[in-house]
Amino acid sequence: MTRNTNNEFVQSKILENQLYEVLLYKKMEVLAIQERIAERKLGINDNAIQTALNQSKKAEILDYSLDYTKKILWMYQ
């Protein structure tokens, strides 16, 4: 009887360890998916920020060009 109880205990521990490994693996999968989603969101935000910076630079260049044009026109009045 004791031998059977010990065998069941060992099997129970083995199953418990296997279940823990499966749950740990699933948790790692979930974390990897969350990281990929975060990277995609970050990528979108980075692109939006870069686009905004590019637009700002274009606006500065245009503003400078207009100022330069005004100065030239003023000189020839």
N, C-alpha and C. Protein backbone atom coordinates (compact mmCIF):
# COMPACT_ATOMS: atom_id res chain seq x y z
N MET A 1 0.82 -1.18 0.00
CA MET A 1 0.00 0.00 0.00
C MET A 1 0.87 1.25 0.00
N THR A 2 1.93 1.25 0.78
CA THR A 2 2.82 2.41 0.86
C THR A 2 3.49 2.65 -0.48
N ARG A 3 3.88 1.57 -1.11
CA ARG A 3 4.54 1.69 -2.41
C ARG A 3 3.61 2.35 -3.43
N ASN A 4 2.35 1.98 -3.42
CA ASN A 4 1.36 2.54 -4.33
C ASN A 4 1.15 4.03 -4.04
N THR A 5 1.10 4.41 -2.78
CA THR A 5 0.92 5.80 -2.38
C THR A 5 2.12 6.64 -2.81
N ASN A 6 3.32 6.10 -2.61
CA ASN A 6 4.53 6.81 -3.04
C ASN A 6 4.54 6.99 -4.55
N ASN A 7 4.13 5.95 -5.27
CA ASN A 7 4.09 6.01 -6.73
C ASN A 7 3.10 7.09 -7.19
N GLU A 8 1.95 7.16 -6.56
CA GLU A 8 0.95 8.18 -6.89
C GLU A 8 1.48 9.58 -6.57
N PHE A 9 2.19 9.69 -5.47
CA PHE A 9 2.76 10.98 -5.08
C PHE A 9 3.79 11.44 -6.12
N VAL A 10 4.64 10.51 -6.53
CA VAL A 10 5.67 10.84 -7.53
C VAL A 10 5.00 11.24 -8.85
N GLN A 11 4.00 10.48 -9.27
CA GLN A 11 3.29 10.82 -10.50
C GLN A 11 2.60 12.18 -10.39
N SER A 12 2.04 12.44 -9.23
CA SER A 12 1.40 13.72 -8.99
C SER A 12 2.39 14.87 -9.12
N LYS A 13 3.58 14.69 -8.54
CA LYS A 13 4.62 15.72 -8.63
C LYS A 13 5.09 15.90 -10.07
N ILE A 14 5.22 14.80 -10.79
CA ILE A 14 5.63 14.88 -12.20
C ILE A 14 4.59 15.67 -13.00
N LEU A 15 3.32 15.34 -12.80
CA LEU A 15 2.25 16.05 -13.50
C LEU A 15 2.21 17.53 -13.11
N GLU A 16 2.43 17.79 -11.84
CA GLU A 16 2.46 19.17 -11.36
C GLU A 16 3.58 19.95 -12.03
N ASN A 17 4.76 19.33 -12.14
CA ASN A 17 5.89 19.98 -12.80
C ASN A 17 5.62 20.20 -14.28
N GLN A 18 5.01 19.21 -14.93
CA GLN A 18 4.68 19.35 -16.35
C GLN A 18 3.67 20.48 -16.56
N LEU A 19 2.68 20.54 -15.68
CA LEU A 19 1.69 21.61 -15.78
C LEU A 19 2.35 22.97 -15.59
N TYR A 20 3.25 23.06 -14.63
CA TYR A 20 3.98 24.31 -14.39
C TYR A 20 4.77 24.71 -15.64
N GLU A 21 5.44 23.74 -16.27
CA GLU A 21 6.22 24.03 -17.48
C GLU A 21 5.32 24.53 -18.60
N VAL A 22 4.15 23.90 -18.77
CA VAL A 22 3.21 24.33 -19.82
C VAL A 22 2.73 25.75 -19.55
N LEU A 23 2.35 26.01 -18.30
CA LEU A 23 1.87 27.35 -17.95
C LEU A 23 2.97 28.40 -18.12
N LEU A 24 4.18 28.05 -17.76
CA LEU A 24 5.30 28.97 -17.92
C LEU A 24 5.54 29.26 -19.40
N TYR A 25 5.48 28.21 -20.23
CA TYR A 25 5.66 28.38 -21.67
C TYR A 25 4.57 29.28 -22.23
N LYS A 26 3.32 29.06 -21.82
CA LYS A 26 2.21 29.89 -22.30
C LYS A 26 2.39 31.34 -21.87
N LYS A 27 2.85 31.53 -20.65
CA LYS A 27 3.09 32.89 -20.16
C LYS A 27 4.16 33.57 -21.02
N MET A 28 5.21 32.83 -21.36
CA MET A 28 6.27 33.39 -22.20
C MET A 28 5.72 33.75 -23.57
N GLU A 29 4.81 32.92 -24.11
CA GLU A 29 4.19 33.23 -25.40
C GLU A 29 3.38 34.52 -25.32
N VAL A 30 2.61 34.65 -24.25
CA VAL A 30 1.78 35.86 -24.06
C VAL A 30 2.67 37.09 -23.96
N LEU A 31 3.76 36.99 -23.20
CA LEU A 31 4.67 38.13 -23.06
C LEU A 31 5.30 38.49 -24.40
N ALA A 32 5.67 37.49 -25.19
CA ALA A 32 6.26 37.76 -26.50
C ALA A 32 5.25 38.47 -27.41
N ILE A 33 4.00 38.04 -27.37
CA ILE A 33 2.96 38.69 -28.17
C ILE A 33 2.76 40.13 -27.71
N GLN A 34 2.73 40.34 -26.40
CA GLN A 34 2.57 41.70 -25.88
C GLN A 34 3.74 42.59 -26.29
N GLU A 35 4.94 42.05 -26.30
CA GLU A 35 6.11 42.83 -26.73
C GLU A 35 5.98 43.22 -28.19
N ARG A 36 5.55 42.26 -29.04
CA ARG A 36 5.39 42.56 -30.46
C ARG A 36 4.33 43.64 -30.68
N ILE A 37 3.24 43.56 -29.94
CA ILE A 37 2.19 44.58 -30.06
C ILE A 37 2.73 45.94 -29.62
N ALA A 38 3.48 45.96 -28.53
CA ALA A 38 4.05 47.22 -28.04
C ALA A 38 5.03 47.79 -29.06
N GLU A 39 5.84 46.93 -29.68
CA GLU A 39 6.80 47.40 -30.68
C GLU A 39 6.07 47.99 -31.87
N ARG A 40 4.98 47.34 -32.29
CA ARG A 40 4.21 47.88 -33.42
C ARG A 40 3.62 49.24 -33.07
N LYS A 41 3.06 49.35 -31.87
CA LYS A 41 2.50 50.63 -31.45
C LYS A 41 3.59 51.68 -31.37
N LEU A 42 4.74 51.31 -30.86
CA LEU A 42 5.86 52.23 -30.76
C LEU A 42 6.31 52.64 -32.16
N GLY A 43 6.33 51.69 -33.07
CA GLY A 43 6.70 51.99 -34.45
C GLY A 43 5.75 52.99 -35.07
N ILE A 44 4.46 52.83 -34.83
CA ILE A 44 3.47 53.77 -35.35
C ILE A 44 3.70 55.14 -34.75
N ASN A 45 3.92 55.19 -33.45
CA ASN A 45 4.16 56.48 -32.80
C ASN A 45 5.44 57.12 -33.31
N ASP A 46 6.49 56.31 -33.49
CA ASP A 46 7.75 56.84 -34.01
C ASP A 46 7.54 57.43 -35.40
N ASN A 47 6.77 56.73 -36.24
CA ASN A 47 6.51 57.24 -37.58
C ASN A 47 5.73 58.54 -37.52
N ALA A 48 4.76 58.62 -36.62
CA ALA A 48 3.98 59.84 -36.49
C ALA A 48 4.85 60.99 -36.02
N ILE A 49 5.71 60.71 -35.06
CA ILE A 49 6.62 61.75 -34.55
C ILE A 49 7.58 62.20 -35.65
N GLN A 50 8.12 61.23 -36.40
CA GLN A 50 9.05 61.57 -37.47
C GLN A 50 8.35 62.40 -38.54
N THR A 51 7.12 62.04 -38.88
CA THR A 51 6.36 62.80 -39.87
C THR A 51 6.12 64.22 -39.38
N ALA A 52 5.77 64.36 -38.11
CA ALA A 52 5.55 65.70 -37.54
C ALA A 52 6.83 66.52 -37.59
N LEU A 53 7.96 65.90 -37.28
CA LEU A 53 9.24 66.62 -37.34
C LEU A 53 9.56 67.05 -38.76
N ASN A 54 9.32 66.16 -39.71
CA ASN A 54 9.57 66.50 -41.11
C ASN A 54 8.69 67.66 -41.56
N GLN A 55 7.42 67.62 -41.16
CA GLN A 55 6.51 68.71 -41.52
C GLN A 55 6.96 70.02 -40.89
N SER A 56 7.43 69.94 -39.65
CA SER A 56 7.91 71.14 -38.96
C SER A 56 9.12 71.72 -39.68
N LYS A 57 10.04 70.85 -40.10
CA LYS A 57 11.22 71.31 -40.83
C LYS A 57 10.82 71.96 -42.15
N LYS A 58 9.86 71.35 -42.85
CA LYS A 58 9.39 71.92 -44.11
C LYS A 58 8.78 73.30 -43.87
N ALA A 59 8.03 73.42 -42.79
CA ALA A 59 7.41 74.71 -42.47
C ALA A 59 8.48 75.75 -42.16
N GLU A 60 9.52 75.37 -41.45
CA GLU A 60 10.61 76.30 -41.14
C GLU A 60 11.32 76.74 -42.42
N ILE A 61 11.56 75.80 -43.31
CA ILE A 61 12.23 76.13 -44.58
C ILE A 61 11.35 77.07 -45.40
N LEU A 62 10.05 76.77 -45.45
CA LEU A 62 9.13 77.63 -46.18
C LEU A 62 9.09 79.02 -45.58
N ASP A 63 9.04 79.10 -44.26
CA ASP A 63 9.03 80.38 -43.56
C ASP A 63 10.30 81.17 -43.88
N TYR A 64 11.44 80.50 -43.84
CA TYR A 64 12.71 81.15 -44.16
C TYR A 64 12.70 81.64 -45.61
N SER A 65 12.18 80.81 -46.51
CA SER A 65 12.13 81.18 -47.92
C SER A 65 11.25 82.41 -48.13
N LEU A 66 10.12 82.44 -47.44
CA LEU A 66 9.23 83.59 -47.57
C LEU A 66 9.89 84.86 -47.03
N ASP A 67 10.57 84.74 -45.89
CA ASP A 67 11.29 85.90 -45.35
C ASP A 67 12.35 86.38 -46.32
N TYR A 68 13.09 85.47 -46.90
CA TYR A 68 14.15 85.80 -47.84
C TYR A 68 13.56 86.48 -49.07
N THR A 69 12.43 85.95 -49.55
CA THR A 69 11.76 86.53 -50.71
C THR A 69 11.28 87.94 -50.40
N LYS A 70 10.73 88.15 -49.23
CA LYS A 70 10.27 89.49 -48.84
C LYS A 70 11.44 90.46 -48.81
N LYS A 71 12.58 90.04 -48.30
CA LYS A 71 13.75 90.92 -48.24
C LYS A 71 14.22 91.28 -49.64
N ILE A 72 14.22 90.30 -50.52
CA ILE A 72 14.65 90.58 -51.90
C ILE A 72 13.68 91.55 -52.56
N LEU A 73 12.39 91.30 -52.40
CA LEU A 73 11.39 92.20 -52.99
C LEU A 73 11.50 93.60 -52.41
N TRP A 74 11.77 93.71 -51.13
CA TRP A 74 11.89 95.01 -50.48
C TRP A 74 13.10 95.78 -51.04
N MET A 75 14.18 95.02 -51.32
CA MET A 75 15.38 95.67 -51.86
C MET A 75 15.11 96.27 -53.23
N TYR A 76 14.23 95.65 -54.02
CA TYR A 76 13.99 96.12 -55.38
C TYR A 76 12.81 97.07 -55.48
N GLN A 77 12.30 97.55 -54.37
CA GLN A 77 11.19 98.50 -54.44
C GLN A 77 11.67 99.87 -54.74
